[in-house]
Protein backbone atom coordinates (compact mmCIF):
# COMPACT_ATOMS: atom_id res chain seq x y z
CA MET A 1 -47.36 90.86 -29.40
CA GLN A 2 -46.25 93.85 -31.03
CA LYS A 3 -45.03 95.37 -27.68
CA ASN A 4 -42.98 92.37 -26.82
CA PHE A 5 -41.08 92.88 -30.19
CA PHE A 6 -40.37 96.37 -29.53
CA ASN A 7 -39.03 95.55 -26.05
CA LYS A 8 -37.07 92.63 -27.38
CA ASP A 9 -35.56 95.22 -30.10
CA ARG A 10 -34.55 97.75 -27.47
CA LYS A 11 -33.02 95.26 -25.37
CA ASN A 12 -30.66 93.90 -28.12
CA LYS A 13 -29.89 97.24 -29.18
CA LYS A 14 -28.76 98.11 -25.45
CA MET A 15 -26.97 95.14 -25.42
CA ILE A 16 -25.19 95.72 -28.82
CA ILE A 17 -24.09 99.03 -27.43
CA ALA A 18 -22.85 98.03 -23.90
CA ILE A 19 -20.91 95.24 -25.68
CA SER A 20 -19.40 97.84 -28.34
CA VAL A 21 -18.74 100.53 -25.62
CA SER A 22 -17.00 97.90 -23.65
CA VAL A 23 -14.62 96.54 -26.34
CA ALA A 24 -13.78 100.37 -27.25
CA ILE A 25 -12.82 101.49 -23.77
CA ILE A 26 -10.48 98.17 -23.47
CA VAL A 27 -8.96 98.86 -26.86
CA ILE A 28 -8.48 102.45 -26.10
CA GLY A 29 -6.82 101.50 -22.55
CA LEU A 30 -4.59 98.90 -24.21
CA ALA A 31 -3.59 101.44 -26.60
CA VAL A 32 -2.83 104.18 -24.38
CA PHE A 33 -0.47 101.14 -22.06
CA CYS A 34 1.26 100.23 -25.21
CA TYR A 35 2.06 103.89 -26.26
CA PHE A 36 3.65 104.49 -22.85
CA LEU A 37 4.87 101.11 -22.50
CA PHE A 38 6.77 101.82 -25.87
CA ALA A 39 7.48 105.51 -25.66
CA ASN A 40 10.91 105.07 -23.87
CA GLU A 41 12.11 102.10 -26.51
CA LYS A 42 11.22 104.56 -29.26
CA GLU A 43 13.48 107.21 -27.73
CA ASN A 44 16.48 104.41 -27.00
CA ASN A 45 16.14 103.57 -30.64
CA ALA A 46 16.29 107.24 -31.97
CA LYS A 47 19.48 107.76 -29.79
CA ASN A 48 21.09 104.29 -30.80
CA LYS A 49 20.66 105.36 -34.75
CA ALA A 50 22.14 108.82 -34.23
CA GLU A 51 25.17 107.47 -32.38
CA ASN A 52 25.46 104.64 -35.04
CA ALA A 53 25.52 107.55 -37.96
CA GLN A 54 28.05 109.59 -36.18
CA GLU A 55 30.25 106.57 -35.86
CA ASP A 56 29.92 105.58 -39.70
CA PRO A 57 28.81 108.39 -41.62
CA GLN A 58 29.93 107.11 -45.12
CA ALA A 59 28.10 103.81 -44.53
CA LYS A 60 25.90 102.88 -47.30
CA ILE A 61 22.61 100.78 -47.51
CA GLU A 62 23.49 97.77 -50.16
CA GLU A 63 20.37 96.70 -51.93
CA GLU A 64 19.92 92.86 -52.05
CA LYS A 65 20.46 91.62 -55.55
CA GLU A 66 18.54 88.29 -56.75
CA GLU A 67 20.68 85.54 -57.90
CA GLY A 68 19.79 82.86 -60.29
CA GLU A 69 17.02 82.46 -62.71
CA PRO A 70 13.28 82.78 -61.67
CA SER A 71 11.69 79.67 -60.58
CA THR A 72 8.90 77.97 -62.35
CA PHE A 73 5.54 77.07 -60.70
CA GLY A 74 6.78 73.75 -60.36
CA GLN A 75 9.81 74.74 -58.64
CA CYS A 76 7.65 76.77 -56.24
CA LEU A 77 5.47 73.84 -55.37
CA ALA A 78 8.32 71.76 -54.85
CA LEU A 79 9.09 73.82 -51.70
CA LEU A 80 6.19 71.68 -50.20
CA GLY A 81 8.57 68.97 -49.70
CA LYS A 82 10.55 71.14 -47.09
CA PRO A 83 9.05 69.65 -44.12
CA PHE A 84 8.73 73.43 -42.04
CA ILE A 85 7.54 75.00 -45.44
CA LEU A 86 4.61 72.28 -45.56
CA LEU A 87 3.48 72.94 -42.09
CA CYS A 88 3.47 76.69 -42.72
CA PHE A 89 1.30 76.33 -45.67
CA ILE A 90 -0.91 73.91 -43.72
CA GLY A 91 -1.03 76.64 -40.96
CA ILE A 92 -2.32 79.16 -43.27
CA MET A 93 -4.83 77.09 -44.59
CA CYS A 94 -6.01 76.36 -40.95
CA HIS A 95 -6.01 79.96 -39.82
CA VAL A 96 -8.15 81.11 -42.76
CA GLY A 97 -10.37 78.07 -42.39
CA ILE A 98 -10.96 79.17 -38.85
CA ASP A 99 -11.61 82.88 -39.98
CA VAL A 100 -14.16 82.18 -42.68
CA GLY A 101 -15.62 79.19 -40.61
CA THR A 102 -16.06 81.53 -37.45
CA ASN A 103 -17.91 84.16 -39.60
CA THR A 104 -20.47 81.42 -41.16
CA THR A 105 -21.03 79.32 -38.06
CA ALA A 106 -21.26 81.82 -35.10
CA PRO A 107 -24.47 82.99 -36.09
CA LYS A 108 -25.94 79.83 -36.75
CA ILE A 109 -24.95 78.51 -33.10
CA LEU A 110 -26.88 81.27 -31.54
CA MET A 111 -29.78 80.55 -34.02
CA GLU A 112 -29.56 76.82 -33.42
CA ARG A 113 -29.25 77.20 -29.09
CA LEU A 114 -30.84 80.30 -28.53
CA GLY A 115 -33.65 80.46 -31.20
CA MET A 116 -32.16 84.06 -32.27
CA GLY A 117 -33.45 85.52 -35.36
CA LEU A 118 -31.20 86.04 -38.27
CA ASP A 119 -30.78 89.73 -37.97
CA ASP A 120 -29.91 89.37 -34.09
CA ALA A 121 -27.73 86.48 -34.58
CA ALA A 122 -25.52 88.33 -37.26
CA PHE A 123 -24.05 90.52 -34.79
CA ALA A 124 -21.74 87.76 -33.77
CA THR A 125 -20.12 88.18 -36.99
CA SER A 126 -19.65 91.89 -36.05
CA LEU A 127 -18.22 91.02 -32.84
CA TYR A 128 -15.65 88.61 -34.09
CA PHE A 129 -14.48 91.30 -36.40
CA ILE A 130 -14.17 93.90 -34.01
CA PHE A 131 -11.90 91.88 -31.52
CA ARG A 132 -10.17 90.72 -34.87
CA THR A 133 -9.23 94.30 -35.88
CA ALA A 134 -8.39 95.17 -32.32
CA GLY A 135 -6.16 92.05 -32.24
CA CYS A 136 -4.49 93.13 -35.32
CA PHE A 137 -3.78 96.64 -33.78
CA LEU A 138 -2.12 95.30 -30.54
CA GLY A 139 -0.32 92.59 -31.98
CA SER A 140 1.92 95.21 -33.88
CA PHE A 141 2.88 96.46 -30.33
CA ILE A 142 2.97 93.02 -28.38
CA LEU A 143 5.12 91.38 -31.06
CA ARG A 144 7.57 94.14 -30.14
CA LYS A 145 8.22 93.16 -26.57
CA MET A 146 7.05 89.50 -26.72
CA SER A 147 8.40 86.60 -29.25
CA ALA A 148 6.70 85.37 -31.92
CA LYS A 149 6.55 81.57 -30.29
CA SER A 150 5.06 83.15 -26.96
CA PHE A 151 2.53 85.35 -28.69
CA PHE A 152 1.60 82.58 -30.93
CA GLY A 153 1.02 80.19 -27.95
CA ILE A 154 -1.03 82.57 -26.03
CA SER A 155 -3.31 83.47 -29.18
CA VAL A 156 -3.78 79.54 -30.10
CA VAL A 157 -4.59 78.96 -26.31
CA MET A 158 -7.21 81.60 -26.50
CA MET A 159 -8.63 79.79 -29.31
CA LEU A 160 -8.63 76.50 -27.76
CA VAL A 161 -10.66 77.61 -24.53
CA ALA A 162 -13.06 79.35 -27.22
CA MET A 163 -13.63 76.31 -28.77
CA ALA A 164 -14.00 74.46 -25.74
CA GLY A 165 -16.53 76.95 -24.77
CA LEU A 166 -18.55 76.77 -27.73
CA PHE A 167 -19.11 73.02 -27.08
CA ALA A 168 -20.16 73.55 -23.87
CA PHE A 169 -22.03 76.76 -23.11
CA HIS A 170 -25.56 77.62 -24.18
CA GLU A 171 -25.81 81.16 -22.81
CA LYS A 172 -25.78 83.92 -24.84
CA THR A 173 -23.25 85.94 -22.94
CA MET A 174 -20.56 82.92 -23.07
CA ILE A 175 -21.01 82.19 -26.51
CA TYR A 176 -20.28 85.79 -27.23
CA ILE A 177 -16.94 85.79 -25.13
CA CYS A 178 -15.96 82.89 -27.14
CA ILE A 179 -16.49 84.48 -30.29
CA ALA A 180 -14.56 87.49 -28.97
CA LEU A 181 -11.81 85.24 -28.09
CA ILE A 182 -11.32 83.63 -31.32
CA GLY A 183 -11.47 86.85 -33.41
CA PHE A 184 -8.70 88.36 -31.06
CA GLY A 185 -6.67 84.91 -31.10
CA ASN A 186 -6.89 84.60 -34.59
CA SER A 187 -5.79 87.72 -35.61
CA ASN A 188 -2.31 87.44 -35.61
CA ILE A 189 -1.74 84.03 -36.97
CA PHE A 190 -1.12 84.55 -40.61
CA PRO A 191 1.86 87.24 -39.94
CA VAL A 192 3.59 85.07 -37.56
CA ILE A 193 3.62 81.93 -40.00
CA PHE A 194 4.31 84.11 -42.91
CA SER A 195 7.45 85.50 -41.11
CA GLN A 196 8.27 82.10 -40.13
CA ALA A 197 8.40 80.68 -43.57
CA LEU A 198 10.78 83.31 -44.82
CA LEU A 199 12.89 82.87 -42.12
CA ALA A 200 13.15 79.31 -42.92
CA MET A 201 14.37 79.97 -46.25
CA PRO A 202 15.39 83.44 -46.90
CA GLN A 203 17.10 82.65 -50.01
CA LYS A 204 13.65 81.61 -51.54
CA LYS A 205 11.72 84.43 -50.35
CA ASN A 206 9.65 85.38 -53.20
CA GLU A 207 8.71 81.24 -53.97
CA VAL A 208 8.00 81.01 -50.41
CA SER A 209 5.59 84.18 -50.13
CA GLY A 210 3.76 82.84 -53.24
CA LEU A 211 3.18 79.33 -51.47
CA MET A 212 1.78 81.04 -48.12
CA ILE A 213 -0.47 83.09 -50.48
CA MET A 214 -1.78 80.00 -52.03
CA GLY A 215 -2.37 78.55 -48.88
CA LEU A 216 -5.78 81.06 -48.27
CA PHE A 217 -7.56 78.55 -50.17
CA GLY A 218 -8.46 76.69 -46.71
CA GLY A 219 -11.22 79.20 -46.54
CA THR A 220 -12.84 76.92 -49.27
CA VAL A 221 -12.08 73.57 -47.72
CA PHE A 222 -12.83 74.32 -44.21
CA PRO A 223 -16.39 75.30 -45.12
CA ILE A 224 -17.16 72.09 -46.94
CA ALA A 225 -16.02 69.98 -44.09
CA MET A 226 -17.73 72.11 -41.59
CA GLY A 227 -21.17 72.01 -43.58
CA LEU A 228 -20.57 68.19 -43.58
CA ALA A 229 -20.37 67.86 -40.03
CA SER A 230 -22.70 70.27 -39.42
CA ASP A 231 -25.61 68.22 -41.40
CA ALA A 232 -24.66 65.20 -39.72
CA VAL A 233 -24.38 66.56 -35.64
CA GLY A 234 -25.44 70.03 -35.85
CA GLN A 235 -23.28 73.29 -35.48
CA SER A 236 -21.02 71.31 -33.01
CA GLY A 237 -19.81 69.12 -35.80
CA ALA A 238 -18.79 72.53 -37.37
CA VAL A 239 -17.04 73.61 -34.32
CA ALA A 240 -15.36 70.34 -34.15
CA VAL A 241 -13.65 71.01 -37.59
CA MET A 242 -12.23 74.34 -36.65
CA THR A 243 -11.18 72.74 -33.25
CA VAL A 244 -8.86 70.31 -35.49
CA GLY A 245 -7.40 73.45 -37.18
CA VAL A 246 -6.49 75.02 -33.74
CA VAL A 247 -5.15 71.88 -32.38
CA TYR A 248 -2.73 71.90 -35.84
CA LEU A 249 -1.76 75.28 -34.79
CA PHE A 250 -0.46 74.24 -31.40
CA PHE A 251 1.35 71.31 -32.90
CA TYR A 252 2.79 73.89 -35.27
CA MET A 253 3.71 76.26 -32.35
CA LEU A 254 5.65 73.48 -30.70
CA ARG A 255 8.03 73.10 -34.06
CA MET A 256 8.82 76.96 -34.09
CA LYS A 257 12.18 77.95 -33.28
CA ARG A 258 11.54 81.42 -31.96
């Protein structure tokens, strides 16, 4: 029995090392690709700035001045009456809910379906954050070449595929792939929604910023609903709650202008 335990422990360590090395290779490869892809663009931007400076050497940067009196808390909440701002607010709630929900549900799925121990299943959370971090890093490059709406749509489709996989698959490798897809797909949702809200009402950027940050409380709403659903039908119920959030983000993407 003790021998089997050590063999299982070595097998899990090898799997973790293999996945970590694979992720590192993918991230490094994509980073090198992005570096060479955008190297020419950086040179062109530098040339354009130099040319503009030569054409208008006395150009001055004017600071934007705030007009009117500071808004009250009630006036900030009143902005939720604007349809698109409300959509953005709920979108932030869904993003954070999916983020928190994946962290809490992924290990439980492995424990429920594969009978894994808590220590082994906890790697699912680390895997999620590995791909979420990689997505945040690569997103800063991808968004320079791709429109926000297109990249947002790709990210949401990745999460939809992953949610479907979490319903269907019971193999450890496939579940890990689904968790990785959610991590990468959910990594750039917040900045895109945040920027869309600011573009919708640039004259109220401070108030809109505050509202979007308030949307972070979605991280407390989703786990409650997921807990009730998982108690009723198992972890598939928790996945269903997160799927509702992803479907909403897909609907939100259709309302984006650019």
